[in-house]
């Protein structure tokens, strides 16, 4: 029942993020090499991280900030 086109695009985005985003690359390598996790399950975790970042930006109506600091109100 999943939207296969969106799922494919999200998978490709995760692969590109692992290649070009140092934070996600370190996360991927740590999980695969040190924690001996399955590569596909780590890619799924990266996909989830990407989705969470997108939805957080949409919810807050702001652009993604790499060094985001939450303001305590």
C-alpha atoms as a PDB file:
ATOM      1  CA  UNK A   1       0.000   0.000   0.000  1.00  0.00           C
ATOM      2  CA  UNK A   2       3.045   2.281   0.088  1.00  0.00           C
ATOM      3  CA  UNK A   3       3.611   4.952  -2.528  1.00  0.00           C
ATOM      4  CA  UNK A   4       6.514   3.284  -4.337  1.00  0.00           C
ATOM      5  CA  UNK A   5       7.605   6.406  -6.187  1.00  0.00           C
ATOM      6  CA  UNK A   6       7.958   8.414  -2.951  1.00  0.00           C
ATOM      7  CA  UNK A   7       9.634   5.464  -1.249  1.00  0.00           C
ATOM      8  CA  UNK A   8      12.150   5.174  -4.105  1.00  0.00           C
ATOM      9  CA  UNK A   9      12.922   8.897  -4.016  1.00  0.00           C
ATOM     10  CA  UNK A  10      13.360   8.805  -0.250  1.00  0.00           C
ATOM     11  CA  UNK A  11      15.725   5.829  -0.550  1.00  0.00           C
ATOM     12  CA  UNK A  12      17.829   7.640  -3.158  1.00  0.00           C
ATOM     13  CA  UNK A  13      17.841  10.784  -1.002  1.00  0.00           C
ATOM     14  CA  UNK A  14      19.113   8.737   1.939  1.00  0.00           C
ATOM     15  CA  UNK A  15      21.925   7.270  -0.176  1.00  0.00           C
ATOM     16  CA  UNK A  16      22.961  10.725  -1.384  1.00  0.00           C
ATOM     17  CA  UNK A  17      22.767  12.111   2.162  1.00  0.00           C
ATOM     18  CA  UNK A  18      25.051   9.325   3.383  1.00  0.00           C
ATOM     19  CA  UNK A  19      27.560  10.214   0.670  1.00  0.00           C
ATOM     20  CA  UNK A  20      27.512  14.003   1.039  1.00  0.00           C
ATOM     21  CA  UNK A  21      26.308  14.928   4.540  1.00  0.00           C
ATOM     22  CA  UNK A  22      29.147  14.438   7.057  1.00  0.00           C
ATOM     23  CA  UNK A  23      26.760  14.098  10.022  1.00  0.00           C
ATOM     24  CA  UNK A  24      24.690  11.360   8.371  1.00  0.00           C
ATOM     25  CA  UNK A  25      27.811   9.698   6.943  1.00  0.00           C
ATOM     26  CA  UNK A  26      29.313   9.426  10.434  1.00  0.00           C
ATOM     27  CA  UNK A  27      26.011   8.081  11.769  1.00  0.00           C
ATOM     28  CA  UNK A  28      25.850   5.453   9.000  1.00  0.00           C
ATOM     29  CA  UNK A  29      29.466   4.356   9.412  1.00  0.00           C
ATOM     30  CA  UNK A  30      29.183   4.175  13.204  1.00  0.00           C
ATOM     31  CA  UNK A  31      26.059   2.022  13.053  1.00  0.00           C
ATOM     32  CA  UNK A  32      27.415  -0.328  10.353  1.00  0.00           C
ATOM     33  CA  UNK A  33      31.030  -0.674  11.512  1.00  0.00           C
ATOM     34  CA  UNK A  34      30.962  -0.275  15.296  1.00  0.00           C
ATOM     35  CA  UNK A  35      27.488  -1.495  16.163  1.00  0.00           C
ATOM     36  CA  UNK A  36      27.409  -4.151  13.388  1.00  0.00           C
ATOM     37  CA  UNK A  37      23.931  -3.140  12.210  1.00  0.00           C
ATOM     38  CA  UNK A  38      22.525  -4.312   8.888  1.00  0.00           C
ATOM     39  CA  UNK A  39      23.175  -1.720   6.146  1.00  0.00           C
ATOM     40  CA  UNK A  40      19.544  -1.652   5.015  1.00  0.00           C
ATOM     41  CA  UNK A  41      18.224  -1.033   8.529  1.00  0.00           C
ATOM     42  CA  UNK A  42      20.675   1.853   8.932  1.00  0.00           C
ATOM     43  CA  UNK A  43      19.529   3.300   5.586  1.00  0.00           C
ATOM     44  CA  UNK A  44      15.957   3.068   6.908  1.00  0.00           C
ATOM     45  CA  UNK A  45      17.065   5.001  10.002  1.00  0.00           C
ATOM     46  CA  UNK A  46      18.633   7.676   7.776  1.00  0.00           C
ATOM     47  CA  UNK A  47      15.388   7.871   5.778  1.00  0.00           C
ATOM     48  CA  UNK A  48      13.524   8.407   9.036  1.00  0.00           C
ATOM     49  CA  UNK A  49      15.947  11.150  10.067  1.00  0.00           C
ATOM     50  CA  UNK A  50      15.388  12.904   6.727  1.00  0.00           C
ATOM     51  CA  UNK A  51      11.604  12.684   7.103  1.00  0.00           C
ATOM     52  CA  UNK A  52      11.761  14.039  10.655  1.00  0.00           C
ATOM     53  CA  UNK A  53      13.911  16.973   9.532  1.00  0.00           C
ATOM     54  CA  UNK A  54      11.562  17.819   6.668  1.00  0.00           C
ATOM     55  CA  UNK A  55       8.450  17.666   8.828  1.00  0.00           C
ATOM     56  CA  UNK A  56      10.092  19.734  11.577  1.00  0.00           C
ATOM     57  CA  UNK A  57      10.947  22.463   9.059  1.00  0.00           C
ATOM     58  CA  UNK A  58       7.439  22.429   7.595  1.00  0.00           C
ATOM     59  CA  UNK A  59       5.799  22.452  11.030  1.00  0.00           C
ATOM     60  CA  UNK A  60       7.916  25.392  12.205  1.00  0.00           C
ATOM     61  CA  UNK A  61       7.701  27.149   8.807  1.00  0.00           C
ATOM     62  CA  UNK A  62      11.442  27.735   8.632  1.00  0.00           C
ATOM     63  CA  UNK A  63      14.479  26.615   6.672  1.00  0.00           C
ATOM     64  CA  UNK A  64      16.751  23.851   7.890  1.00  0.00           C
ATOM     65  CA  UNK A  65      19.579  25.133  10.086  1.00  0.00           C
ATOM     66  CA  UNK A  66      22.544  22.846  10.582  1.00  0.00           C
ATOM     67  CA  UNK A  67      23.490  24.383  13.942  1.00  0.00           C
ATOM     68  CA  UNK A  68      19.971  24.853  15.285  1.00  0.00           C
ATOM     69  CA  UNK A  69      19.684  25.915  18.908  1.00  0.00           C
ATOM     70  CA  UNK A  70      16.321  25.577  20.588  1.00  0.00           C
ATOM     71  CA  UNK A  71      15.243  28.692  22.411  1.00  0.00           C
ATOM     72  CA  UNK A  72      13.951  28.052  25.923  1.00  0.00           C
ATOM     73  CA  UNK A  73      10.779  30.032  26.511  1.00  0.00           C
END
